[in-house]
Structure formats: C-alpha cells, structure tokens
Amino acid sequence: MDWQGQKLAEQLMQIMLLVFAMVGFLTGYVMGSFQVMMLVYAVGVVLTTLVTVPNWPYFNRHPLKWLDPIEAEKHPKPQKQQPVSFKKKGSKAK
C-alpha cells in the first residue's frame, strides 16, 4: 500500500465508521432496541475492516519508485558530522 493508499484507507475507515454509527443509532432509536443498534454497528465495523484492511489494488495506484542498486551506490549516504564545540575563553580575575 502506497502513501496515498494509506491516506485513502484512513479516510474511508473514518467515513464508513461514522456512517454506520449514525445508521445504527437511528435504527436502534426508531426500533427502541439497543441490541439492534449494536448489531448494525458491528456489521459496519466488519464491512469497514473488509474494505480498508486488505491491500487491495485500489490502494496501490501510486507506487514508489526506488533507485536501482547500481544507481544507489553512486549516491552514498551522508555521513554524520562530529559536532563542533566552542570553548569559552576564561576571563582572568584581578
């Protein structure tokens, strides 16, 4: 799953859970049943999981382009530089 696919999956998850929560609440309120409300929401969670968790091809529409190993060797990693420390000059007490 690429970066845009992750963003899309996250947005789909939030929207679907919100919609199923509202539908579940309204259904439970109209029917006067807490059990029905929880059942509708649980079905929504399962459907949301099936849509957003697997790595569907829909989430891989923007693949990353990696460097070939030969090309990567031409551009070595930057090395850490040692921090430069500046010593304060002490003032002489008279």
C-alpha atoms as a PDB file:
ATOM      1  CA  MET A   1       0.000   0.000   0.000  1.00  0.00           C
ATOM      2  CA  ASP A   2       1.458   3.334  -1.011  1.00  0.00           C
ATOM      3  CA  TRP A   3       1.227   6.639   0.870  1.00  0.00           C
ATOM      4  CA  GLN A   4      -1.824   7.884  -1.000  1.00  0.00           C
ATOM      5  CA  GLY A   5      -3.439   4.468  -0.497  1.00  0.00           C
ATOM      6  CA  GLN A   6      -2.871   4.701   3.247  1.00  0.00           C
ATOM      7  CA  LYS A   7      -4.465   8.134   3.318  1.00  0.00           C
ATOM      8  CA  LEU A   8      -7.434   6.880   1.308  1.00  0.00           C
ATOM      9  CA  ALA A   9      -7.867   3.827   3.557  1.00  0.00           C
ATOM     10  CA  GLU A  10      -7.816   6.059   6.641  1.00  0.00           C
ATOM     11  CA  GLN A  11     -10.408   8.432   5.176  1.00  0.00           C
ATOM     12  CA  LEU A  12     -12.649   5.544   4.075  1.00  0.00           C
ATOM     13  CA  MET A  13     -12.416   3.983   7.519  1.00  0.00           C
ATOM     14  CA  GLN A  14     -13.405   7.196   9.290  1.00  0.00           C
ATOM     15  CA  ILE A  15     -16.299   7.931   6.933  1.00  0.00           C
ATOM     16  CA  MET A  16     -17.654   4.378   6.969  1.00  0.00           C
ATOM     17  CA  LEU A  17     -17.492   4.066  10.761  1.00  0.00           C
ATOM     18  CA  LEU A  18     -19.234   7.410  11.195  1.00  0.00           C
ATOM     19  CA  VAL A  19     -21.984   6.481   8.721  1.00  0.00           C
ATOM     20  CA  PHE A  20     -22.569   3.080  10.320  1.00  0.00           C
ATOM     21  CA  ALA A  21     -22.612   4.659  13.781  1.00  0.00           C
ATOM     22  CA  MET A  22     -25.301   7.124  12.684  1.00  0.00           C
ATOM     23  CA  VAL A  23     -27.333   4.451  10.863  1.00  0.00           C
ATOM     24  CA  GLY A  24     -27.017   2.109  13.833  1.00  0.00           C
ATOM     25  CA  PHE A  25     -28.079   4.802  16.283  1.00  0.00           C
ATOM     26  CA  LEU A  26     -31.074   5.856  14.204  1.00  0.00           C
ATOM     27  CA  THR A  27     -32.149   2.250  13.622  1.00  0.00           C
ATOM     28  CA  GLY A  28     -31.816   1.434  17.304  1.00  0.00           C
ATOM     29  CA  TYR A  29     -33.663   4.600  18.309  1.00  0.00           C
ATOM     30  CA  VAL A  30     -36.564   4.028  15.910  1.00  0.00           C
ATOM     31  CA  MET A  31     -36.880   0.352  16.855  1.00  0.00           C
ATOM     32  CA  GLY A  32     -36.209   1.042  20.530  1.00  0.00           C
ATOM     33  CA  SER A  33     -33.590  -1.683  20.672  1.00  0.00           C
ATOM     34  CA  PHE A  34     -30.039  -1.339  21.931  1.00  0.00           C
ATOM     35  CA  GLN A  35     -29.273  -4.811  20.590  1.00  0.00           C
ATOM     36  CA  VAL A  36     -30.277  -3.840  17.033  1.00  0.00           C
ATOM     37  CA  MET A  37     -28.162  -0.682  17.297  1.00  0.00           C
ATOM     38  CA  MET A  38     -25.095  -2.663  18.329  1.00  0.00           C
ATOM     39  CA  LEU A  39     -25.735  -5.307  15.655  1.00  0.00           C
ATOM     40  CA  VAL A  40     -25.932  -2.699  12.875  1.00  0.00           C
ATOM     41  CA  TYR A  41     -22.755  -1.024  14.132  1.00  0.00           C
ATOM     42  CA  ALA A  42     -20.931  -4.376  14.434  1.00  0.00           C
ATOM     43  CA  VAL A  43     -21.849  -5.241  10.838  1.00  0.00           C
ATOM     44  CA  GLY A  44     -20.499  -1.821   9.830  1.00  0.00           C
ATOM     45  CA  VAL A  45     -17.215  -2.421  11.634  1.00  0.00           C
ATOM     46  CA  VAL A  46     -16.803  -5.787   9.900  1.00  0.00           C
ATOM     47  CA  LEU A  47     -17.572  -4.297   6.464  1.00  0.00           C
ATOM     48  CA  THR A  48     -15.215  -1.374   7.131  1.00  0.00           C
ATOM     49  CA  THR A  49     -12.479  -3.823   8.085  1.00  0.00           C
ATOM     50  CA  LEU A  50     -13.014  -5.842   4.907  1.00  0.00           C
ATOM     51  CA  VAL A  51     -12.826  -2.693   2.776  1.00  0.00           C
ATOM     52  CA  THR A  52      -9.867  -0.940   4.395  1.00  0.00           C
ATOM     53  CA  VAL A  53      -7.530  -3.544   5.901  1.00  0.00           C
ATOM     54  CA  PRO A  54      -6.599  -5.806   2.939  1.00  0.00           C
ATOM     55  CA  ASN A  55      -4.060  -4.445   0.490  1.00  0.00           C
ATOM     56  CA  TRP A  56      -6.459  -4.047  -2.426  1.00  0.00           C
ATOM     57  CA  PRO A  57      -5.004  -2.984  -5.809  1.00  0.00           C
ATOM     58  CA  TYR A  58      -7.099   0.164  -5.474  1.00  0.00           C
ATOM     59  CA  PHE A  59      -4.704   1.321  -2.723  1.00  0.00           C
ATOM     60  CA  ASN A  60      -1.610   0.781  -4.922  1.00  0.00           C
ATOM     61  CA  ARG A  61      -2.258   3.270  -7.699  1.00  0.00           C
ATOM     62  CA  HIS A  62       0.789   5.454  -6.897  1.00  0.00           C
ATOM     63  CA  PRO A  63       3.771   3.102  -6.427  1.00  0.00           C
ATOM     64  CA  LEU A  64       7.058   4.437  -5.112  1.00  0.00           C
ATOM     65  CA  LYS A  65       9.991   4.465  -7.495  1.00  0.00           C
ATOM     66  CA  TRP A  66      13.060   3.041  -5.821  1.00  0.00           C
ATOM     67  CA  LEU A  67      16.596   3.520  -7.084  1.00  0.00           C
ATOM     68  CA  ASP A  68      18.320   0.578  -8.722  1.00  0.00           C
ATOM     69  CA  PRO A  69      21.146  -0.840  -6.556  1.00  0.00           C
ATOM     70  CA  ILE A  70      23.772   0.390  -9.028  1.00  0.00           C
ATOM     71  CA  GLU A  71      22.315   3.893  -9.003  1.00  0.00           C
ATOM     72  CA  ALA A  72      22.135   3.875  -5.206  1.00  0.00           C
ATOM     73  CA  GLU A  73      25.865   3.123  -4.972  1.00  0.00           C
ATOM     74  CA  LYS A  74      26.622   6.288  -6.929  1.00  0.00           C
ATOM     75  CA  HIS A  75      24.892   8.355  -4.261  1.00  0.00           C
ATOM     76  CA  PRO A  76      26.296   7.270  -0.889  1.00  0.00           C
ATOM     77  CA  LYS A  77      24.513   8.036   2.333  1.00  0.00           C
ATOM     78  CA  PRO A  78      25.589  11.268   4.012  1.00  0.00           C
ATOM     79  CA  GLN A  79      27.896  10.689   6.949  1.00  0.00           C
ATOM     80  CA  LYS A  80      27.225  12.109  10.381  1.00  0.00           C
ATOM     81  CA  GLN A  81      29.361  15.103  11.156  1.00  0.00           C
ATOM     82  CA  GLN A  82      31.015  15.491  14.508  1.00  0.00           C
ATOM     83  CA  PRO A  83      29.564  18.418  16.447  1.00  0.00           C
ATOM     84  CA  VAL A  84      31.889  21.377  16.727  1.00  0.00           C
ATOM     85  CA  SER A  85      32.411  22.548  20.279  1.00  0.00           C
ATOM     86  CA  PHE A  86      33.497  26.055  21.048  1.00  0.00           C
ATOM     87  CA  LYS A  87      35.386  26.606  24.273  1.00  0.00           C
ATOM     88  CA  LYS A  88      34.776  29.799  26.123  1.00  0.00           C
ATOM     89  CA  LYS A  89      37.799  31.856  26.901  1.00  0.00           C
ATOM     90  CA  GLY A  90      38.034  32.314  30.592  1.00  0.00           C
ATOM     91  CA  SER A  91      38.454  35.816  31.948  1.00  0.00           C
ATOM     92  CA  LYS A  92      41.260  36.290  34.403  1.00  0.00           C
ATOM     93  CA  ALA A  93      40.291  37.597  37.807  1.00  0.00           C
ATOM     94  CA  LYS A  94      42.449  40.518  39.008  1.00  0.00           C
END
